[in-house]
Amino acid sequence: MERRQAIDPNYTGPERRQGERRRYRARSRNIVAPTIAAVLAFAMVDATIWNSYYWRAAVNRLNDDAATTRAWGANIWHLG
């Protein structure tokens, strides 16, 4: 028997490589798909149950920042 020869002839060639790929995929964890699913689930729950609380909070924060910047600019403009 050669050094790299398979013991079981049924698992030589492409079949052996497919088995290795299957075992590798089983060992390696995919994090992208569960993350996307979690983000979509959160967005759906936020939009339906909480009436987009976090979205409205983010928009209000931006509006407050914009109002503060406009007030600061008006004060600076009138000082000169």
N, C-alpha and C. Protein backbone atom coordinates (compact mmCIF):
# COMPACT_ATOMS: atom_id res chain seq x y z
N MET A 1 0.85 -1.18 0.00
CA MET A 1 0.00 0.00 0.00
C MET A 1 0.89 1.24 0.00
N GLU A 2 0.56 2.17 -0.88
CA GLU A 2 1.32 3.41 -0.95
C GLU A 2 1.01 4.29 0.24
N ARG A 3 1.87 5.27 0.41
CA ARG A 3 1.74 6.13 1.59
C ARG A 3 0.44 6.93 1.59
N ARG A 4 0.04 7.47 0.43
CA ARG A 4 -1.14 8.34 0.37
C ARG A 4 -2.36 7.61 -0.15
N GLN A 5 -2.31 6.32 -0.22
CA GLN A 5 -3.44 5.56 -0.74
C GLN A 5 -4.50 5.41 0.35
N ALA A 6 -5.76 5.56 -0.05
CA ALA A 6 -6.86 5.43 0.91
C ALA A 6 -7.03 3.98 1.31
N ILE A 7 -7.41 3.77 2.54
CA ILE A 7 -7.64 2.41 3.04
C ILE A 7 -8.91 1.85 2.42
N ASP A 8 -9.97 2.63 2.42
CA ASP A 8 -11.24 2.19 1.85
C ASP A 8 -11.35 2.73 0.43
N PRO A 9 -11.46 1.88 -0.58
CA PRO A 9 -11.50 2.38 -1.96
C PRO A 9 -12.75 3.20 -2.27
N ASN A 10 -13.78 3.12 -1.44
CA ASN A 10 -14.99 3.92 -1.67
C ASN A 10 -14.76 5.40 -1.39
N TYR A 11 -13.74 5.71 -0.62
CA TYR A 11 -13.50 7.10 -0.23
C TYR A 11 -12.24 7.64 -0.87
N THR A 12 -12.02 7.33 -2.12
CA THR A 12 -10.88 7.88 -2.85
C THR A 12 -11.37 8.92 -3.83
N GLY A 13 -10.51 9.84 -4.16
CA GLY A 13 -10.84 10.83 -5.19
C GLY A 13 -11.82 11.88 -4.72
N PRO A 14 -12.75 12.27 -5.61
CA PRO A 14 -13.68 13.38 -5.30
C PRO A 14 -14.57 13.10 -4.11
N GLU A 15 -14.95 11.83 -3.91
CA GLU A 15 -15.83 11.51 -2.79
C GLU A 15 -15.15 11.83 -1.46
N ARG A 16 -13.85 11.54 -1.38
CA ARG A 16 -13.12 11.85 -0.15
C ARG A 16 -13.04 13.35 0.06
N ARG A 17 -12.79 14.10 -1.02
CA ARG A 17 -12.71 15.55 -0.89
C ARG A 17 -14.06 16.14 -0.50
N GLN A 18 -15.14 15.60 -1.02
CA GLN A 18 -16.46 16.09 -0.62
C GLN A 18 -16.71 15.84 0.85
N GLY A 19 -16.29 14.69 1.33
CA GLY A 19 -16.43 14.40 2.75
C GLY A 19 -15.62 15.35 3.61
N GLU A 20 -14.40 15.67 3.13
CA GLU A 20 -13.58 16.63 3.88
C GLU A 20 -14.23 18.00 3.90
N ARG A 21 -14.77 18.43 2.77
CA ARG A 21 -15.44 19.73 2.73
C ARG A 21 -16.65 19.76 3.65
N ARG A 22 -17.40 18.66 3.66
CA ARG A 22 -18.59 18.59 4.51
C ARG A 22 -18.19 18.68 5.98
N ARG A 23 -17.12 17.97 6.35
CA ARG A 23 -16.66 18.04 7.74
C ARG A 23 -16.13 19.43 8.08
N TYR A 24 -15.43 20.07 7.13
CA TYR A 24 -14.91 21.42 7.38
C TYR A 24 -16.06 22.41 7.57
N ARG A 25 -17.09 22.33 6.72
CA ARG A 25 -18.24 23.23 6.87
C ARG A 25 -18.96 22.99 8.19
N ALA A 26 -19.02 21.75 8.62
CA ALA A 26 -19.67 21.45 9.89
C ALA A 26 -18.87 22.03 11.05
N ARG A 27 -17.53 22.05 10.91
CA ARG A 27 -16.70 22.59 11.99
C ARG A 27 -16.68 24.11 12.00
N SER A 28 -16.65 24.73 10.82
CA SER A 28 -16.55 26.19 10.77
C SER A 28 -17.95 26.79 10.92
N ARG A 29 -18.04 27.80 11.72
CA ARG A 29 -19.34 28.43 11.98
C ARG A 29 -19.50 29.65 11.09
N ASN A 30 -20.69 29.80 10.56
CA ASN A 30 -21.00 30.94 9.73
C ASN A 30 -21.67 31.98 10.62
N ILE A 31 -21.09 33.18 10.68
CA ILE A 31 -21.63 34.21 11.56
C ILE A 31 -22.41 35.28 10.79
N VAL A 32 -22.25 35.32 9.48
CA VAL A 32 -22.88 36.38 8.69
C VAL A 32 -24.39 36.18 8.62
N ALA A 33 -24.83 34.98 8.28
CA ALA A 33 -26.26 34.74 8.12
C ALA A 33 -27.03 34.94 9.43
N PRO A 34 -26.58 34.42 10.57
CA PRO A 34 -27.31 34.69 11.81
C PRO A 34 -27.32 36.17 12.19
N THR A 35 -26.24 36.89 11.88
CA THR A 35 -26.20 38.32 12.19
C THR A 35 -27.21 39.08 11.35
N ILE A 36 -27.28 38.79 10.07
CA ILE A 36 -28.25 39.45 9.20
C ILE A 36 -29.67 39.12 9.65
N ALA A 37 -29.91 37.87 10.00
CA ALA A 37 -31.24 37.48 10.47
C ALA A 37 -31.61 38.21 11.75
N ALA A 38 -30.65 38.38 12.66
CA ALA A 38 -30.93 39.08 13.91
C ALA A 38 -31.23 40.56 13.66
N VAL A 39 -30.48 41.18 12.76
CA VAL A 39 -30.72 42.60 12.44
C VAL A 39 -32.09 42.78 11.81
N LEU A 40 -32.45 41.91 10.87
CA LEU A 40 -33.77 42.00 10.24
C LEU A 40 -34.88 41.76 11.26
N ALA A 41 -34.70 40.79 12.13
CA ALA A 41 -35.72 40.54 13.15
C ALA A 41 -35.87 41.74 14.08
N PHE A 42 -34.76 42.34 14.48
CA PHE A 42 -34.84 43.52 15.34
C PHE A 42 -35.55 44.67 14.64
N ALA A 43 -35.23 44.87 13.35
CA ALA A 43 -35.87 45.96 12.61
C ALA A 43 -37.37 45.73 12.48
N MET A 44 -37.77 44.48 12.26
CA MET A 44 -39.21 44.19 12.14
C MET A 44 -39.92 44.41 13.47
N VAL A 45 -39.32 43.96 14.56
CA VAL A 45 -39.93 44.15 15.87
C VAL A 45 -39.98 45.63 16.22
N ASP A 46 -38.91 46.36 15.93
CA ASP A 46 -38.87 47.79 16.22
C ASP A 46 -39.94 48.53 15.43
N ALA A 47 -40.12 48.16 14.17
CA ALA A 47 -41.09 48.86 13.32
C ALA A 47 -42.52 48.53 13.70
N THR A 48 -42.78 47.33 14.17
CA THR A 48 -44.17 46.94 14.43
C THR A 48 -44.59 47.17 15.88
N ILE A 49 -43.79 46.73 16.81
CA ILE A 49 -44.21 46.79 18.21
C ILE A 49 -43.90 48.14 18.85
N TRP A 50 -42.67 48.61 18.69
CA TRP A 50 -42.27 49.83 19.37
C TRP A 50 -42.47 51.08 18.54
N ASN A 51 -43.11 50.94 17.38
CA ASN A 51 -43.37 52.08 16.50
C ASN A 51 -42.07 52.82 16.19
N SER A 52 -41.05 52.07 15.88
CA SER A 52 -39.74 52.60 15.49
C SER A 52 -39.18 53.57 16.53
N TYR A 53 -39.17 53.16 17.76
CA TYR A 53 -38.68 54.01 18.85
C TYR A 53 -37.24 54.43 18.62
N TYR A 54 -36.39 53.48 18.27
CA TYR A 54 -34.97 53.80 18.11
C TYR A 54 -34.74 54.68 16.89
N TRP A 55 -35.50 54.46 15.82
CA TRP A 55 -35.36 55.31 14.63
C TRP A 55 -35.76 56.75 14.96
N ARG A 56 -36.89 56.91 15.65
CA ARG A 56 -37.33 58.27 16.03
C ARG A 56 -36.34 58.91 16.99
N ALA A 57 -35.77 58.15 17.89
CA ALA A 57 -34.78 58.70 18.82
C ALA A 57 -33.54 59.18 18.06
N ALA A 58 -33.11 58.41 17.07
CA ALA A 58 -31.95 58.82 16.29
C ALA A 58 -32.24 60.09 15.48
N VAL A 59 -33.42 60.17 14.88
CA VAL A 59 -33.79 61.36 14.10
C VAL A 59 -33.91 62.57 15.01
N ASN A 60 -34.52 62.40 16.17
CA ASN A 60 -34.64 63.52 17.11
C ASN A 60 -33.26 63.99 17.58
N ARG A 61 -32.34 63.06 17.78
CA ARG A 61 -30.99 63.44 18.18
C ARG A 61 -30.31 64.27 17.09
N LEU A 62 -30.48 63.85 15.84
CA LEU A 62 -29.91 64.62 14.73
C LEU A 62 -30.54 66.00 14.63
N ASN A 63 -31.85 66.07 14.82
CA ASN A 63 -32.53 67.37 14.76
C ASN A 63 -32.06 68.28 15.89
N ASP A 64 -31.87 67.73 17.08
CA ASP A 64 -31.38 68.53 18.20
C ASP A 64 -29.97 69.04 17.92
N ASP A 65 -29.13 68.18 17.35
CA ASP A 65 -27.77 68.61 17.01
C ASP A 65 -27.80 69.70 15.96
N ALA A 66 -28.69 69.56 14.98
CA ALA A 66 -28.79 70.58 13.92
C ALA A 66 -29.29 71.90 14.49
N ALA A 67 -30.26 71.84 15.40
CA ALA A 67 -30.78 73.07 16.01
C ALA A 67 -29.69 73.75 16.84
N THR A 68 -28.92 72.96 17.57
CA THR A 68 -27.82 73.53 18.36
C THR A 68 -26.79 74.20 17.45
N THR A 69 -26.47 73.55 16.35
CA THR A 69 -25.50 74.13 15.41
C THR A 69 -26.03 75.41 14.79
N ARG A 70 -27.32 75.42 14.42
CA ARG A 70 -27.91 76.64 13.84
C ARG A 70 -27.92 77.78 14.86
N ALA A 71 -28.25 77.48 16.11
CA ALA A 71 -28.26 78.52 17.14
C ALA A 71 -26.85 79.05 17.38
N TRP A 72 -25.87 78.17 17.41
CA TRP A 72 -24.48 78.59 17.60
C TRP A 72 -24.04 79.48 16.44
N GLY A 73 -24.39 79.10 15.22
CA GLY A 73 -24.03 79.90 14.06
C GLY A 73 -24.69 81.26 14.08
N ALA A 74 -25.95 81.32 14.50
CA ALA A 74 -26.66 82.61 14.57
C ALA A 74 -26.01 83.51 15.62
N ASN A 75 -25.63 82.94 16.76
CA ASN A 75 -24.99 83.74 17.80
C ASN A 75 -23.64 84.28 17.34
N ILE A 76 -22.86 83.46 16.67
CA ILE A 76 -21.56 83.91 16.17
C ILE A 76 -21.75 85.00 15.12
N TRP A 77 -22.74 84.83 14.25
CA TRP A 77 -22.97 85.80 13.18
C TRP A 77 -23.34 87.17 13.75
N HIS A 78 -24.13 87.19 14.83
CA HIS A 78 -24.59 88.46 15.40
C HIS A 78 -23.57 89.09 16.34
N LEU A 79 -22.54 88.36 16.73
CA LEU A 79 -21.52 88.95 17.59
C LEU A 79 -20.67 89.96 16.82
N GLY A 80 -20.46 89.72 15.54
CA GLY A 80 -19.57 90.57 14.76
C GLY A 80 -20.27 91.80 14.33
